[in-house]
ModelCIF file with pLDDT and N, C-alpha, C, O atoms, coordinates in Angstrom:
data_MODEL
#
_entry.id   MODEL 
#
_entity.id                         1 
_entity.type                       polymer 
_entity.pdbx_number_of_molecules   1 
#
_entity_poly.entity_id                      1 
_entity_poly.type                           'polypeptide(L)' 
_entity_poly.nstd_linkage                   no 
_entity_poly.nstd_monomer                   no 
_entity_poly.pdbx_seq_one_letter_code       
;(UNK)(UNK)(UNK)(UNK)(UNK)(UNK)(UNK)(UNK)(UNK)(UNK)(UNK)(UNK)(UNK)(UNK)(UNK)(UNK)
(UNK)(UNK)(UNK)(UNK)(UNK)(UNK)(UNK)(UNK)(UNK)(UNK)(UNK)(UNK)(UNK)(UNK)(UNK)(UNK)
(UNK)(UNK)(UNK)(UNK)(UNK)(UNK)(UNK)(UNK)(UNK)(UNK)(UNK)(UNK)(UNK)(UNK)(UNK)(UNK)
;
_entity_poly.pdbx_seq_one_letter_code_can   XXXXXXXXXXXXXXXXXXXXXXXXXXXXXXXXXXXXXXXXXXXXXXXX 
_entity_poly.pdbx_strand_id                 A 
#
loop_
_entity_poly_seq.entity_id 
_entity_poly_seq.num 
_entity_poly_seq.mon_id 
_entity_poly_seq.hetero 
1 1  UNK n 
1 2  UNK n 
1 3  UNK n 
1 4  UNK n 
1 5  UNK n 
1 6  UNK n 
1 7  UNK n 
1 8  UNK n 
1 9  UNK n 
1 10 UNK n 
1 11 UNK n 
1 12 UNK n 
1 13 UNK n 
1 14 UNK n 
1 15 UNK n 
1 16 UNK n 
1 17 UNK n 
1 18 UNK n 
1 19 UNK n 
1 20 UNK n 
1 21 UNK n 
1 22 UNK n 
1 23 UNK n 
1 24 UNK n 
1 25 UNK n 
1 26 UNK n 
1 27 UNK n 
1 28 UNK n 
1 29 UNK n 
1 30 UNK n 
1 31 UNK n 
1 32 UNK n 
1 33 UNK n 
1 34 UNK n 
1 35 UNK n 
1 36 UNK n 
1 37 UNK n 
1 38 UNK n 
1 39 UNK n 
1 40 UNK n 
1 41 UNK n 
1 42 UNK n 
1 43 UNK n 
1 44 UNK n 
1 45 UNK n 
1 46 UNK n 
1 47 UNK n 
1 48 UNK n 
#
_struct_asym.id          A 
_struct_asym.entity_id   1 
#
loop_
_ma_qa_metric.id 
_ma_qa_metric.mode 
_ma_qa_metric.name 
_ma_qa_metric.software_group_id 
_ma_qa_metric.type 
1 global pLDDT . pLDDT 
2 local  pLDDT . pLDDT 
#
_ma_qa_metric_global.metric_id      1 
_ma_qa_metric_global.metric_value   73.79 
_ma_qa_metric_global.model_id       1 
_ma_qa_metric_global.ordinal_id     1 
#
loop_
_ma_qa_metric_local.label_asym_id 
_ma_qa_metric_local.label_comp_id 
_ma_qa_metric_local.label_seq_id 
_ma_qa_metric_local.metric_id 
_ma_qa_metric_local.metric_value 
_ma_qa_metric_local.model_id 
_ma_qa_metric_local.ordinal_id 
A UNK 1  2 52.00 1 1  
A UNK 2  2 48.00 1 2  
A UNK 3  2 50.00 1 3  
A UNK 4  2 55.00 1 4  
A UNK 5  2 54.00 1 5  
A UNK 6  2 64.00 1 6  
A UNK 7  2 66.00 1 7  
A UNK 8  2 63.00 1 8  
A UNK 9  2 71.00 1 9  
A UNK 10 2 71.00 1 10 
A UNK 11 2 68.00 1 11 
A UNK 12 2 69.00 1 12 
A UNK 13 2 74.00 1 13 
A UNK 14 2 76.00 1 14 
A UNK 15 2 70.00 1 15 
A UNK 16 2 72.00 1 16 
A UNK 17 2 78.00 1 17 
A UNK 18 2 76.00 1 18 
A UNK 19 2 72.00 1 19 
A UNK 20 2 76.00 1 20 
A UNK 21 2 80.00 1 21 
A UNK 22 2 79.00 1 22 
A UNK 23 2 74.00 1 23 
A UNK 24 2 79.00 1 24 
A UNK 25 2 79.00 1 25 
A UNK 26 2 75.00 1 26 
A UNK 27 2 73.00 1 27 
A UNK 28 2 78.00 1 28 
A UNK 29 2 77.00 1 29 
A UNK 30 2 72.00 1 30 
A UNK 31 2 70.00 1 31 
A UNK 32 2 72.00 1 32 
A UNK 33 2 68.00 1 33 
A UNK 34 2 71.00 1 34 
A UNK 35 2 70.00 1 35 
A UNK 36 2 75.00 1 36 
A UNK 37 2 76.00 1 37 
A UNK 38 2 75.00 1 38 
A UNK 39 2 81.00 1 39 
A UNK 40 2 84.00 1 40 
A UNK 41 2 84.00 1 41 
A UNK 42 2 84.00 1 42 
A UNK 43 2 87.00 1 43 
A UNK 44 2 89.00 1 44 
A UNK 45 2 90.00 1 45 
A UNK 46 2 90.00 1 46 
A UNK 47 2 92.00 1 47 
A UNK 48 2 93.00 1 48 
#
loop_
_atom_site.group_PDB 
_atom_site.id 
_atom_site.type_symbol 
_atom_site.label_atom_id 
_atom_site.label_alt_id 
_atom_site.label_comp_id 
_atom_site.label_asym_id 
_atom_site.label_entity_id 
_atom_site.label_seq_id 
_atom_site.pdbx_PDB_ins_code 
_atom_site.Cartn_x 
_atom_site.Cartn_y 
_atom_site.Cartn_z 
_atom_site.occupancy 
_atom_site.B_iso_or_equiv 
_atom_site.pdbx_formal_charge 
_atom_site.auth_seq_id 
_atom_site.auth_comp_id 
_atom_site.auth_asym_id 
_atom_site.auth_atom_id 
_atom_site.pdbx_PDB_model_num 
ATOM 1   N N  . UNK A 1 1  ? -90.678 -41.713 181.873 1.00 52.00 ? 1  UNK A N  1 
ATOM 2   C CA . UNK A 1 1  ? -91.470 -42.279 181.004 1.00 52.00 ? 1  UNK A CA 1 
ATOM 3   C C  . UNK A 1 1  ? -90.969 -43.547 180.142 1.00 52.00 ? 1  UNK A C  1 
ATOM 4   O O  . UNK A 1 1  ? -91.812 -44.399 179.865 1.00 52.00 ? 1  UNK A O  1 
ATOM 5   N N  . UNK A 1 2  ? -89.442 -43.741 179.638 1.00 48.00 ? 2  UNK A N  1 
ATOM 6   C CA . UNK A 1 2  ? -88.472 -44.392 179.018 1.00 48.00 ? 2  UNK A CA 1 
ATOM 7   C C  . UNK A 1 2  ? -88.743 -45.970 179.641 1.00 48.00 ? 2  UNK A C  1 
ATOM 8   O O  . UNK A 1 2  ? -88.681 -46.952 178.901 1.00 48.00 ? 2  UNK A O  1 
ATOM 9   N N  . UNK A 1 3  ? -89.074 -46.082 181.214 1.00 50.00 ? 3  UNK A N  1 
ATOM 10  C CA . UNK A 1 3  ? -89.494 -47.469 181.748 1.00 50.00 ? 3  UNK A CA 1 
ATOM 11  C C  . UNK A 1 3  ? -90.937 -47.666 181.616 1.00 50.00 ? 3  UNK A C  1 
ATOM 12  O O  . UNK A 1 3  ? -91.405 -48.757 181.291 1.00 50.00 ? 3  UNK A O  1 
ATOM 13  N N  . UNK A 1 4  ? -91.692 -46.576 181.873 1.00 55.00 ? 4  UNK A N  1 
ATOM 14  C CA . UNK A 1 4  ? -92.859 -47.101 181.697 1.00 55.00 ? 4  UNK A CA 1 
ATOM 15  C C  . UNK A 1 4  ? -93.354 -47.563 180.223 1.00 55.00 ? 4  UNK A C  1 
ATOM 16  O O  . UNK A 1 4  ? -94.388 -48.211 180.063 1.00 55.00 ? 4  UNK A O  1 
ATOM 17  N N  . UNK A 1 5  ? -92.843 -47.321 179.588 1.00 54.00 ? 5  UNK A N  1 
ATOM 18  C CA . UNK A 1 5  ? -93.476 -47.407 177.968 1.00 54.00 ? 5  UNK A CA 1 
ATOM 19  C C  . UNK A 1 5  ? -92.755 -48.356 177.291 1.00 54.00 ? 5  UNK A C  1 
ATOM 20  O O  . UNK A 1 5  ? -92.893 -48.520 176.078 1.00 54.00 ? 5  UNK A O  1 
ATOM 21  N N  . UNK A 1 6  ? -91.616 -49.318 178.306 1.00 64.00 ? 6  UNK A N  1 
ATOM 22  C CA . UNK A 1 6  ? -90.945 -50.557 177.310 1.00 64.00 ? 6  UNK A CA 1 
ATOM 23  C C  . UNK A 1 6  ? -90.643 -51.476 178.528 1.00 64.00 ? 6  UNK A C  1 
ATOM 24  O O  . UNK A 1 6  ? -90.076 -51.149 179.571 1.00 64.00 ? 6  UNK A O  1 
ATOM 25  N N  . UNK A 1 7  ? -91.240 -52.942 178.108 1.00 66.00 ? 7  UNK A N  1 
ATOM 26  C CA . UNK A 1 7  ? -90.931 -53.985 178.795 1.00 66.00 ? 7  UNK A CA 1 
ATOM 27  C C  . UNK A 1 7  ? -89.362 -54.338 178.802 1.00 66.00 ? 7  UNK A C  1 
ATOM 28  O O  . UNK A 1 7  ? -88.837 -54.936 179.741 1.00 66.00 ? 7  UNK A O  1 
ATOM 29  N N  . UNK A 1 8  ? -88.727 -53.944 177.755 1.00 63.00 ? 8  UNK A N  1 
ATOM 30  C CA . UNK A 1 8  ? -87.263 -54.005 177.784 1.00 63.00 ? 8  UNK A CA 1 
ATOM 31  C C  . UNK A 1 8  ? -86.543 -53.496 178.770 1.00 63.00 ? 8  UNK A C  1 
ATOM 32  O O  . UNK A 1 8  ? -85.735 -54.135 179.445 1.00 63.00 ? 8  UNK A O  1 
ATOM 33  N N  . UNK A 1 9  ? -86.816 -52.296 178.890 1.00 71.00 ? 9  UNK A N  1 
ATOM 34  C CA . UNK A 1 9  ? -86.311 -51.223 179.995 1.00 71.00 ? 9  UNK A CA 1 
ATOM 35  C C  . UNK A 1 9  ? -86.685 -51.973 181.436 1.00 71.00 ? 9  UNK A C  1 
ATOM 36  O O  . UNK A 1 9  ? -85.788 -52.446 182.133 1.00 71.00 ? 9  UNK A O  1 
ATOM 37  N N  . UNK A 1 10 ? -87.916 -52.031 181.776 1.00 71.00 ? 10 UNK A N  1 
ATOM 38  C CA . UNK A 1 10 ? -88.474 -52.743 183.008 1.00 71.00 ? 10 UNK A CA 1 
ATOM 39  C C  . UNK A 1 10 ? -87.907 -54.111 183.283 1.00 71.00 ? 10 UNK A C  1 
ATOM 40  O O  . UNK A 1 10 ? -87.914 -54.461 184.463 1.00 71.00 ? 10 UNK A O  1 
ATOM 41  N N  . UNK A 1 11 ? -87.296 -55.149 182.164 1.00 68.00 ? 11 UNK A N  1 
ATOM 42  C CA . UNK A 1 11 ? -87.146 -56.119 182.660 1.00 68.00 ? 11 UNK A CA 1 
ATOM 43  C C  . UNK A 1 11 ? -85.661 -56.161 182.885 1.00 68.00 ? 11 UNK A C  1 
ATOM 44  O O  . UNK A 1 11 ? -85.094 -57.024 183.555 1.00 68.00 ? 11 UNK A O  1 
ATOM 45  N N  . UNK A 1 12 ? -84.989 -55.004 182.175 1.00 69.00 ? 12 UNK A N  1 
ATOM 46  C CA . UNK A 1 12 ? -83.234 -54.736 182.747 1.00 69.00 ? 12 UNK A CA 1 
ATOM 47  C C  . UNK A 1 12 ? -83.327 -54.445 183.976 1.00 69.00 ? 12 UNK A C  1 
ATOM 48  O O  . UNK A 1 12 ? -82.942 -55.247 184.826 1.00 69.00 ? 12 UNK A O  1 
ATOM 49  N N  . UNK A 1 13 ? -83.864 -53.228 184.310 1.00 74.00 ? 13 UNK A N  1 
ATOM 50  C CA . UNK A 1 13 ? -84.023 -52.462 185.605 1.00 74.00 ? 13 UNK A CA 1 
ATOM 51  C C  . UNK A 1 13 ? -84.293 -53.515 186.780 1.00 74.00 ? 13 UNK A C  1 
ATOM 52  O O  . UNK A 1 13 ? -83.734 -53.526 187.876 1.00 74.00 ? 13 UNK A O  1 
ATOM 53  N N  . UNK A 1 14 ? -85.203 -54.337 186.344 1.00 76.00 ? 14 UNK A N  1 
ATOM 54  C CA . UNK A 1 14 ? -85.466 -55.473 187.581 1.00 76.00 ? 14 UNK A CA 1 
ATOM 55  C C  . UNK A 1 14 ? -84.044 -56.384 187.956 1.00 76.00 ? 14 UNK A C  1 
ATOM 56  O O  . UNK A 1 14 ? -83.479 -56.552 189.036 1.00 76.00 ? 14 UNK A O  1 
ATOM 57  N N  . UNK A 1 15 ? -83.724 -56.897 186.559 1.00 70.00 ? 15 UNK A N  1 
ATOM 58  C CA . UNK A 1 15 ? -82.632 -57.536 186.888 1.00 70.00 ? 15 UNK A CA 1 
ATOM 59  C C  . UNK A 1 15 ? -81.707 -56.634 187.774 1.00 70.00 ? 15 UNK A C  1 
ATOM 60  O O  . UNK A 1 15 ? -81.433 -56.994 188.919 1.00 70.00 ? 15 UNK A O  1 
ATOM 61  N N  . UNK A 1 16 ? -81.168 -55.328 187.189 1.00 72.00 ? 16 UNK A N  1 
ATOM 62  C CA . UNK A 1 16 ? -80.253 -54.905 187.954 1.00 72.00 ? 16 UNK A CA 1 
ATOM 63  C C  . UNK A 1 16 ? -80.392 -54.806 189.119 1.00 72.00 ? 16 UNK A C  1 
ATOM 64  O O  . UNK A 1 16 ? -79.583 -55.187 189.965 1.00 72.00 ? 16 UNK A O  1 
ATOM 65  N N  . UNK A 1 17 ? -81.505 -54.248 189.324 1.00 78.00 ? 17 UNK A N  1 
ATOM 66  C CA . UNK A 1 17 ? -81.867 -54.251 190.618 1.00 78.00 ? 17 UNK A CA 1 
ATOM 67  C C  . UNK A 1 17 ? -81.719 -55.396 191.635 1.00 78.00 ? 17 UNK A C  1 
ATOM 68  O O  . UNK A 1 17 ? -81.182 -55.343 192.741 1.00 78.00 ? 17 UNK A O  1 
ATOM 69  N N  . UNK A 1 18 ? -82.149 -56.161 191.193 1.00 76.00 ? 18 UNK A N  1 
ATOM 70  C CA . UNK A 1 18 ? -82.098 -57.493 191.851 1.00 76.00 ? 18 UNK A CA 1 
ATOM 71  C C  . UNK A 1 18 ? -80.912 -58.049 192.090 1.00 76.00 ? 18 UNK A C  1 
ATOM 72  O O  . UNK A 1 18 ? -80.965 -58.872 193.003 1.00 76.00 ? 18 UNK A O  1 
ATOM 73  N N  . UNK A 1 19 ? -79.923 -57.915 191.640 1.00 72.00 ? 19 UNK A N  1 
ATOM 74  C CA . UNK A 1 19 ? -78.543 -58.075 191.554 1.00 72.00 ? 19 UNK A CA 1 
ATOM 75  C C  . UNK A 1 19 ? -77.673 -56.857 192.416 1.00 72.00 ? 19 UNK A C  1 
ATOM 76  O O  . UNK A 1 19 ? -77.336 -57.042 193.585 1.00 72.00 ? 19 UNK A O  1 
ATOM 77  N N  . UNK A 1 20 ? -77.431 -55.875 191.839 1.00 76.00 ? 20 UNK A N  1 
ATOM 78  C CA . UNK A 1 20 ? -77.030 -54.725 192.045 1.00 76.00 ? 20 UNK A CA 1 
ATOM 79  C C  . UNK A 1 20 ? -77.252 -54.416 194.117 1.00 76.00 ? 20 UNK A C  1 
ATOM 80  O O  . UNK A 1 20 ? -76.400 -54.224 194.985 1.00 76.00 ? 20 UNK A O  1 
ATOM 81  N N  . UNK A 1 21 ? -78.576 -54.494 194.181 1.00 80.00 ? 21 UNK A N  1 
ATOM 82  C CA . UNK A 1 21 ? -79.102 -53.863 195.880 1.00 80.00 ? 21 UNK A CA 1 
ATOM 83  C C  . UNK A 1 21 ? -78.371 -54.838 196.369 1.00 80.00 ? 21 UNK A C  1 
ATOM 84  O O  . UNK A 1 21 ? -77.311 -54.392 196.809 1.00 80.00 ? 21 UNK A O  1 
ATOM 85  N N  . UNK A 1 22 ? -78.542 -56.686 196.554 1.00 79.00 ? 22 UNK A N  1 
ATOM 86  C CA . UNK A 1 22 ? -78.108 -57.332 197.536 1.00 79.00 ? 22 UNK A CA 1 
ATOM 87  C C  . UNK A 1 22 ? -76.635 -57.242 197.408 1.00 79.00 ? 22 UNK A C  1 
ATOM 88  O O  . UNK A 1 22 ? -76.030 -57.344 198.475 1.00 79.00 ? 22 UNK A O  1 
ATOM 89  N N  . UNK A 1 23 ? -75.793 -57.042 196.145 1.00 74.00 ? 23 UNK A N  1 
ATOM 90  C CA . UNK A 1 23 ? -74.512 -57.264 195.921 1.00 74.00 ? 23 UNK A CA 1 
ATOM 91  C C  . UNK A 1 23 ? -74.016 -56.299 196.692 1.00 74.00 ? 23 UNK A C  1 
ATOM 92  O O  . UNK A 1 23 ? -73.083 -56.610 197.432 1.00 74.00 ? 23 UNK A O  1 
ATOM 93  N N  . UNK A 1 24 ? -74.462 -55.066 196.704 1.00 79.00 ? 24 UNK A N  1 
ATOM 94  C CA . UNK A 1 24 ? -74.005 -53.548 197.326 1.00 79.00 ? 24 UNK A CA 1 
ATOM 95  C C  . UNK A 1 24 ? -74.380 -53.307 198.576 1.00 79.00 ? 24 UNK A C  1 
ATOM 96  O O  . UNK A 1 24 ? -74.017 -52.290 199.166 1.00 79.00 ? 24 UNK A O  1 
ATOM 97  N N  . UNK A 1 25 ? -75.249 -54.337 199.184 1.00 79.00 ? 25 UNK A N  1 
ATOM 98  C CA . UNK A 1 25 ? -75.475 -54.521 200.437 1.00 79.00 ? 25 UNK A CA 1 
ATOM 99  C C  . UNK A 1 25 ? -74.853 -55.311 201.100 1.00 79.00 ? 25 UNK A C  1 
ATOM 100 O O  . UNK A 1 25 ? -74.607 -54.984 202.261 1.00 79.00 ? 25 UNK A O  1 
ATOM 101 N N  . UNK A 1 26 ? -74.400 -56.572 200.618 1.00 75.00 ? 26 UNK A N  1 
ATOM 102 C CA . UNK A 1 26 ? -73.148 -57.269 201.170 1.00 75.00 ? 26 UNK A CA 1 
ATOM 103 C C  . UNK A 1 26 ? -72.027 -56.515 201.636 1.00 75.00 ? 26 UNK A C  1 
ATOM 104 O O  . UNK A 1 26 ? -71.567 -56.428 202.774 1.00 75.00 ? 26 UNK A O  1 
ATOM 105 N N  . UNK A 1 27 ? -71.611 -55.908 200.407 1.00 73.00 ? 27 UNK A N  1 
ATOM 106 C CA . UNK A 1 27 ? -70.272 -55.112 200.114 1.00 73.00 ? 27 UNK A CA 1 
ATOM 107 C C  . UNK A 1 27 ? -70.501 -54.465 201.468 1.00 73.00 ? 27 UNK A C  1 
ATOM 108 O O  . UNK A 1 27 ? -69.978 -54.987 202.453 1.00 73.00 ? 27 UNK A O  1 
ATOM 109 N N  . UNK A 1 28 ? -71.470 -53.032 201.635 1.00 78.00 ? 28 UNK A N  1 
ATOM 110 C CA . UNK A 1 28 ? -71.060 -52.579 202.823 1.00 78.00 ? 28 UNK A CA 1 
ATOM 111 C C  . UNK A 1 28 ? -71.096 -53.237 204.129 1.00 78.00 ? 28 UNK A C  1 
ATOM 112 O O  . UNK A 1 28 ? -70.248 -53.006 204.990 1.00 78.00 ? 28 UNK A O  1 
ATOM 113 N N  . UNK A 1 29 ? -72.140 -54.116 204.300 1.00 77.00 ? 29 UNK A N  1 
ATOM 114 C CA . UNK A 1 29 ? -72.090 -54.832 205.487 1.00 77.00 ? 29 UNK A CA 1 
ATOM 115 C C  . UNK A 1 29 ? -70.688 -55.380 205.808 1.00 77.00 ? 29 UNK A C  1 
ATOM 116 O O  . UNK A 1 29 ? -70.068 -55.126 206.841 1.00 77.00 ? 29 UNK A O  1 
ATOM 117 N N  . UNK A 1 30 ? -70.224 -56.232 204.706 1.00 72.00 ? 30 UNK A N  1 
ATOM 118 C CA . UNK A 1 30 ? -68.635 -56.904 204.932 1.00 72.00 ? 30 UNK A CA 1 
ATOM 119 C C  . UNK A 1 30 ? -67.815 -55.832 204.787 1.00 72.00 ? 30 UNK A C  1 
ATOM 120 O O  . UNK A 1 30 ? -66.660 -56.217 204.606 1.00 72.00 ? 30 UNK A O  1 
ATOM 121 N N  . UNK A 1 31 ? -67.913 -54.725 204.790 1.00 70.00 ? 31 UNK A N  1 
ATOM 122 C CA . UNK A 1 31 ? -66.740 -53.611 204.668 1.00 70.00 ? 31 UNK A CA 1 
ATOM 123 C C  . UNK A 1 31 ? -67.328 -53.107 206.108 1.00 70.00 ? 31 UNK A C  1 
ATOM 124 O O  . UNK A 1 31 ? -66.246 -53.329 206.651 1.00 70.00 ? 31 UNK A O  1 
ATOM 125 N N  . UNK A 1 32 ? -67.812 -52.811 206.756 1.00 72.00 ? 32 UNK A N  1 
ATOM 126 C CA . UNK A 1 32 ? -67.948 -52.042 208.005 1.00 72.00 ? 32 UNK A CA 1 
ATOM 127 C C  . UNK A 1 32 ? -67.891 -53.331 209.177 1.00 72.00 ? 32 UNK A C  1 
ATOM 128 O O  . UNK A 1 32 ? -67.505 -53.111 210.325 1.00 72.00 ? 32 UNK A O  1 
ATOM 129 N N  . UNK A 1 33 ? -68.277 -54.528 208.770 1.00 68.00 ? 33 UNK A N  1 
ATOM 130 C CA . UNK A 1 33 ? -68.052 -55.612 209.618 1.00 68.00 ? 33 UNK A CA 1 
ATOM 131 C C  . UNK A 1 33 ? -66.775 -55.794 210.275 1.00 68.00 ? 33 UNK A C  1 
ATOM 132 O O  . UNK A 1 33 ? -66.348 -55.652 211.420 1.00 68.00 ? 33 UNK A O  1 
ATOM 133 N N  . UNK A 1 34 ? -66.112 -56.316 208.664 1.00 71.00 ? 34 UNK A N  1 
ATOM 134 C CA . UNK A 1 34 ? -64.516 -56.513 208.583 1.00 71.00 ? 34 UNK A CA 1 
ATOM 135 C C  . UNK A 1 34 ? -63.321 -55.109 209.117 1.00 71.00 ? 34 UNK A C  1 
ATOM 136 O O  . UNK A 1 34 ? -62.160 -55.158 209.524 1.00 71.00 ? 34 UNK A O  1 
ATOM 137 N N  . UNK A 1 35 ? -64.300 -53.906 208.864 1.00 70.00 ? 35 UNK A N  1 
ATOM 138 C CA . UNK A 1 35 ? -63.652 -52.608 209.388 1.00 70.00 ? 35 UNK A CA 1 
ATOM 139 C C  . UNK A 1 35 ? -63.373 -52.894 211.328 1.00 70.00 ? 35 UNK A C  1 
ATOM 140 O O  . UNK A 1 35 ? -62.407 -52.608 212.035 1.00 70.00 ? 35 UNK A O  1 
ATOM 141 N N  . UNK A 1 36 ? -64.566 -53.496 211.626 1.00 75.00 ? 36 UNK A N  1 
ATOM 142 C CA . UNK A 1 36 ? -64.737 -53.558 213.392 1.00 75.00 ? 36 UNK A CA 1 
ATOM 143 C C  . UNK A 1 36 ? -63.567 -54.624 213.190 1.00 75.00 ? 36 UNK A C  1 
ATOM 144 O O  . UNK A 1 36 ? -62.406 -54.409 213.538 1.00 75.00 ? 36 UNK A O  1 
ATOM 145 N N  . UNK A 1 37 ? -63.877 -55.440 212.771 1.00 76.00 ? 37 UNK A N  1 
ATOM 146 C CA . UNK A 1 37 ? -63.342 -56.955 213.379 1.00 76.00 ? 37 UNK A CA 1 
ATOM 147 C C  . UNK A 1 37 ? -61.566 -56.410 213.049 1.00 76.00 ? 37 UNK A C  1 
ATOM 148 O O  . UNK A 1 37 ? -60.779 -56.671 213.959 1.00 76.00 ? 37 UNK A O  1 
ATOM 149 N N  . UNK A 1 38 ? -61.046 -55.754 211.910 1.00 75.00 ? 38 UNK A N  1 
ATOM 150 C CA . UNK A 1 38 ? -59.694 -55.113 211.783 1.00 75.00 ? 38 UNK A CA 1 
ATOM 151 C C  . UNK A 1 38 ? -59.418 -54.389 213.039 1.00 75.00 ? 38 UNK A C  1 
ATOM 152 O O  . UNK A 1 38 ? -58.379 -54.624 213.655 1.00 75.00 ? 38 UNK A O  1 
ATOM 153 N N  . UNK A 1 39 ? -60.327 -53.473 213.485 1.00 81.00 ? 39 UNK A N  1 
ATOM 154 C CA . UNK A 1 39 ? -59.683 -52.664 214.433 1.00 81.00 ? 39 UNK A CA 1 
ATOM 155 C C  . UNK A 1 39 ? -59.480 -53.365 215.601 1.00 81.00 ? 39 UNK A C  1 
ATOM 156 O O  . UNK A 1 39 ? -58.445 -53.180 216.241 1.00 81.00 ? 39 UNK A O  1 
ATOM 157 N N  . UNK A 1 40 ? -60.326 -54.149 215.972 1.00 84.00 ? 40 UNK A N  1 
ATOM 158 C CA . UNK A 1 40 ? -60.540 -55.208 217.284 1.00 84.00 ? 40 UNK A CA 1 
ATOM 159 C C  . UNK A 1 40 ? -58.821 -55.986 216.891 1.00 84.00 ? 40 UNK A C  1 
ATOM 160 O O  . UNK A 1 40 ? -58.008 -55.701 217.770 1.00 84.00 ? 40 UNK A O  1 
ATOM 161 N N  . UNK A 1 41 ? -58.504 -56.465 216.271 1.00 84.00 ? 41 UNK A N  1 
ATOM 162 C CA . UNK A 1 41 ? -57.541 -57.147 215.777 1.00 84.00 ? 41 UNK A CA 1 
ATOM 163 C C  . UNK A 1 41 ? -56.154 -56.370 215.818 1.00 84.00 ? 41 UNK A C  1 
ATOM 164 O O  . UNK A 1 41 ? -55.116 -56.852 216.273 1.00 84.00 ? 41 UNK A O  1 
ATOM 165 N N  . UNK A 1 42 ? -56.263 -55.327 215.375 1.00 84.00 ? 42 UNK A N  1 
ATOM 166 C CA . UNK A 1 42 ? -55.186 -54.436 215.069 1.00 84.00 ? 42 UNK A CA 1 
ATOM 167 C C  . UNK A 1 42 ? -54.865 -54.107 217.069 1.00 84.00 ? 42 UNK A C  1 
ATOM 168 O O  . UNK A 1 42 ? -53.777 -54.284 217.619 1.00 84.00 ? 42 UNK A O  1 
ATOM 169 N N  . UNK A 1 43 ? -55.837 -53.739 217.596 1.00 87.00 ? 43 UNK A N  1 
ATOM 170 C CA . UNK A 1 43 ? -55.795 -53.247 219.021 1.00 87.00 ? 43 UNK A CA 1 
ATOM 171 C C  . UNK A 1 43 ? -55.158 -54.377 219.649 1.00 87.00 ? 43 UNK A C  1 
ATOM 172 O O  . UNK A 1 43 ? -54.113 -54.183 220.270 1.00 87.00 ? 43 UNK A O  1 
ATOM 173 N N  . UNK A 1 44 ? -55.661 -55.554 219.568 1.00 89.00 ? 44 UNK A N  1 
ATOM 174 C CA . UNK A 1 44 ? -55.166 -56.787 220.250 1.00 89.00 ? 44 UNK A CA 1 
ATOM 175 C C  . UNK A 1 44 ? -53.916 -56.935 220.138 1.00 89.00 ? 44 UNK A C  1 
ATOM 176 O O  . UNK A 1 44 ? -53.185 -56.888 221.128 1.00 89.00 ? 44 UNK A O  1 
ATOM 177 N N  . UNK A 1 45 ? -53.380 -57.175 218.698 1.00 90.00 ? 45 UNK A N  1 
ATOM 178 C CA . UNK A 1 45 ? -51.981 -57.195 218.623 1.00 90.00 ? 45 UNK A CA 1 
ATOM 179 C C  . UNK A 1 45 ? -51.038 -56.236 218.534 1.00 90.00 ? 45 UNK A C  1 
ATOM 180 O O  . UNK A 1 45 ? -49.865 -56.548 218.327 1.00 90.00 ? 45 UNK A O  1 
ATOM 181 N N  . UNK A 1 46 ? -51.371 -55.134 218.658 1.00 90.00 ? 46 UNK A N  1 
ATOM 182 C CA . UNK A 1 46 ? -50.369 -54.069 218.978 1.00 90.00 ? 46 UNK A CA 1 
ATOM 183 C C  . UNK A 1 46 ? -50.482 -54.117 220.296 1.00 90.00 ? 46 UNK A C  1 
ATOM 184 O O  . UNK A 1 46 ? -49.457 -54.381 220.926 1.00 90.00 ? 46 UNK A O  1 
ATOM 185 N N  . UNK A 1 47 ? -51.454 -53.930 220.866 1.00 92.00 ? 47 UNK A N  1 
ATOM 186 C CA . UNK A 1 47 ? -51.317 -53.989 222.747 1.00 92.00 ? 47 UNK A CA 1 
ATOM 187 C C  . UNK A 1 47 ? -50.081 -54.918 223.005 1.00 92.00 ? 47 UNK A C  1 
ATOM 188 O O  . UNK A 1 47 ? -48.999 -54.475 223.390 1.00 92.00 ? 47 UNK A O  1 
ATOM 189 N N  . UNK A 1 48 ? -50.342 -56.325 222.747 1.00 93.00 ? 48 UNK A N  1 
ATOM 190 C CA . UNK A 1 48 ? -49.347 -56.987 222.927 1.00 93.00 ? 48 UNK A CA 1 
ATOM 191 C C  . UNK A 1 48 ? -48.293 -56.980 222.491 1.00 93.00 ? 48 UNK A C  1 
ATOM 192 O O  . UNK A 1 48 ? -47.460 -57.800 222.877 1.00 93.00 ? 48 UNK A O  1 
#
């Protein structure tokens, strides 16, 4: 109800979602991609 009754709350919530969701998704994707890359690189360098 505090969001439904306030334009200010809706505006703040929209701006936060518009920034937090993409940035969080980017961090998560980067984390798992980098993790795979690190494992691959670690296996290659340590095998050599």
